[in-house]
Amino acid sequence: MRRELYWFQAAAEELAQLAARNSKQATRILVSVREFGQSRRGDVKKLAGSQEWRLRAGDWRVIFVLRGDEAYVVRITDRQDAY
């Protein structure tokens, strides 16, 4: 089952900034998000006390909100700053 992915502007900007510093890591994040969208696979957990979920991509976390078959990527952050 496929899930539609939508990116908030802030998340897209964070990914672009990361790509300028570390293109390999930015690519890894993008691949993880695409794989999650296509196959719903990945290291995904619901965040306690929130409607948000997180997808782990190495030392980075992709924070998103699920609504039916749609996932809205809210932000991308280093694991140290994610929670």
C-alpha atoms as a PDB file:
ATOM      1  CA  MET A   1       0.000   0.000   0.000  1.00  0.00           C
ATOM      2  CA  ARG A   2       1.330   3.339  -0.993  1.00  0.00           C
ATOM      3  CA  ARG A   3       1.195   6.428   1.185  1.00  0.00           C
ATOM      4  CA  GLU A   4       1.152   9.944  -0.259  1.00  0.00           C
ATOM      5  CA  LEU A   5       3.918  12.163   1.133  1.00  0.00           C
ATOM      6  CA  TYR A   6       3.653  15.908   1.580  1.00  0.00           C
ATOM      7  CA  TRP A   7       6.480  18.132   2.817  1.00  0.00           C
ATOM      8  CA  PHE A   8       5.998  21.220   4.941  1.00  0.00           C
ATOM      9  CA  GLN A   9       8.133  24.096   3.684  1.00  0.00           C
ATOM     10  CA  ALA A  10      10.234  24.093   6.866  1.00  0.00           C
ATOM     11  CA  ALA A  11      11.076  20.382   6.452  1.00  0.00           C
ATOM     12  CA  ALA A  12      12.076  20.881   2.823  1.00  0.00           C
ATOM     13  CA  GLU A  13      14.314  23.782   3.830  1.00  0.00           C
ATOM     14  CA  GLU A  14      15.921  21.721   6.614  1.00  0.00           C
ATOM     15  CA  LEU A  15      16.676  18.949   4.115  1.00  0.00           C
ATOM     16  CA  ALA A  16      18.160  21.471   1.660  1.00  0.00           C
ATOM     17  CA  GLN A  17      20.384  22.937   4.383  1.00  0.00           C
ATOM     18  CA  LEU A  18      21.549  19.466   5.360  1.00  0.00           C
ATOM     19  CA  ALA A  19      22.235  18.623   1.706  1.00  0.00           C
ATOM     20  CA  ALA A  20      24.520  21.665   1.481  1.00  0.00           C
ATOM     21  CA  ARG A  21      26.542  20.353   4.452  1.00  0.00           C
ATOM     22  CA  ASN A  22      26.287  16.599   3.965  1.00  0.00           C
ATOM     23  CA  SER A  23      24.724  15.398   0.716  1.00  0.00           C
ATOM     24  CA  LYS A  24      25.206  11.716   1.585  1.00  0.00           C
ATOM     25  CA  GLN A  25      23.133  12.037   4.761  1.00  0.00           C
ATOM     26  CA  ALA A  26      20.458  14.094   2.997  1.00  0.00           C
ATOM     27  CA  THR A  27      20.178  11.384   0.344  1.00  0.00           C
ATOM     28  CA  ARG A  28      19.872   8.725   3.050  1.00  0.00           C
ATOM     29  CA  ILE A  29      17.009  10.637   4.651  1.00  0.00           C
ATOM     30  CA  LEU A  30      15.246  11.108   1.333  1.00  0.00           C
ATOM     31  CA  VAL A  31      15.571   7.400   0.490  1.00  0.00           C
ATOM     32  CA  SER A  32      14.179   6.446   3.922  1.00  0.00           C
ATOM     33  CA  VAL A  33      11.187   8.749   3.485  1.00  0.00           C
ATOM     34  CA  ARG A  34      10.471   7.470  -0.037  1.00  0.00           C
ATOM     35  CA  GLU A  35      10.721   3.847   1.086  1.00  0.00           C
ATOM     36  CA  PHE A  36       8.312   4.563   3.918  1.00  0.00           C
ATOM     37  CA  GLY A  37       5.911   6.184   1.463  1.00  0.00           C
ATOM     38  CA  GLN A  38       6.044   3.288  -0.981  1.00  0.00           C
ATOM     39  CA  SER A  39       6.120   0.288   1.341  1.00  0.00           C
ATOM     40  CA  ARG A  40       5.255   1.691   4.787  1.00  0.00           C
ATOM     41  CA  ARG A  41       8.496   0.178   6.069  1.00  0.00           C
ATOM     42  CA  GLY A  42      11.053   1.786   8.311  1.00  0.00           C
ATOM     43  CA  ASP A  43      11.916   2.362  11.923  1.00  0.00           C
ATOM     44  CA  VAL A  44       8.738   4.287  12.797  1.00  0.00           C
ATOM     45  CA  LYS A  45       7.351   5.037  16.250  1.00  0.00           C
ATOM     46  CA  LYS A  46       4.583   7.236  17.578  1.00  0.00           C
ATOM     47  CA  LEU A  47       5.796  10.031  19.826  1.00  0.00           C
ATOM     48  CA  ALA A  48       4.281   9.966  23.310  1.00  0.00           C
ATOM     49  CA  GLY A  49       1.709  12.639  24.064  1.00  0.00           C
ATOM     50  CA  SER A  50       1.559  13.812  20.472  1.00  0.00           C
ATOM     51  CA  GLN A  51      -0.070  13.128  17.118  1.00  0.00           C
ATOM     52  CA  GLU A  52       3.392  13.025  15.559  1.00  0.00           C
ATOM     53  CA  TRP A  53       5.412  10.033  14.457  1.00  0.00           C
ATOM     54  CA  ARG A  54       9.125   9.707  13.838  1.00  0.00           C
ATOM     55  CA  LEU A  55      11.094   7.863  11.192  1.00  0.00           C
ATOM     56  CA  ARG A  56      14.690   7.058  12.062  1.00  0.00           C
ATOM     57  CA  ALA A  57      17.272   7.653   9.321  1.00  0.00           C
ATOM     58  CA  GLY A  58      20.665   7.064  10.933  1.00  0.00           C
ATOM     59  CA  ASP A  59      21.387   9.851  13.398  1.00  0.00           C
ATOM     60  CA  TRP A  60      18.531  11.933  11.989  1.00  0.00           C
ATOM     61  CA  ARG A  61      14.812  11.875  12.699  1.00  0.00           C
ATOM     62  CA  VAL A  62      12.014  12.695  10.298  1.00  0.00           C
ATOM     63  CA  ILE A  63       8.976  13.921  12.225  1.00  0.00           C
ATOM     64  CA  PHE A  64       5.640  13.538  10.458  1.00  0.00           C
ATOM     65  CA  VAL A  65       1.880  13.432  10.983  1.00  0.00           C
ATOM     66  CA  LEU A  66      -0.333  10.678   9.572  1.00  0.00           C
ATOM     67  CA  ARG A  67      -3.803  11.360   8.216  1.00  0.00           C
ATOM     68  CA  GLY A  68      -5.326   8.332   6.526  1.00  0.00           C
ATOM     69  CA  ASP A  69      -3.111   7.381   3.579  1.00  0.00           C
ATOM     70  CA  GLU A  70      -1.223  10.675   3.736  1.00  0.00           C
ATOM     71  CA  ALA A  71       1.950  11.523   5.632  1.00  0.00           C
ATOM     72  CA  TYR A  72       2.940  15.145   6.221  1.00  0.00           C
ATOM     73  CA  VAL A  73       6.660  15.614   6.885  1.00  0.00           C
ATOM     74  CA  VAL A  74       6.835  18.345   9.508  1.00  0.00           C
ATOM     75  CA  ARG A  75      10.551  18.594  10.259  1.00  0.00           C
ATOM     76  CA  ILE A  76      13.925  16.896   9.997  1.00  0.00           C
ATOM     77  CA  THR A  77      16.259  17.102  12.936  1.00  0.00           C
ATOM     78  CA  ASP A  78      19.320  15.545  14.484  1.00  0.00           C
ATOM     79  CA  ARG A  79      18.427  12.863  17.017  1.00  0.00           C
ATOM     80  CA  GLN A  80      19.920  14.915  19.845  1.00  0.00           C
ATOM     81  CA  ASP A  81      17.470  17.750  19.165  1.00  0.00           C
ATOM     82  CA  ALA A  82      14.460  15.691  18.055  1.00  0.00           C
ATOM     83  CA  TYR A  83      12.643  15.317  21.329  1.00  0.00           C
END
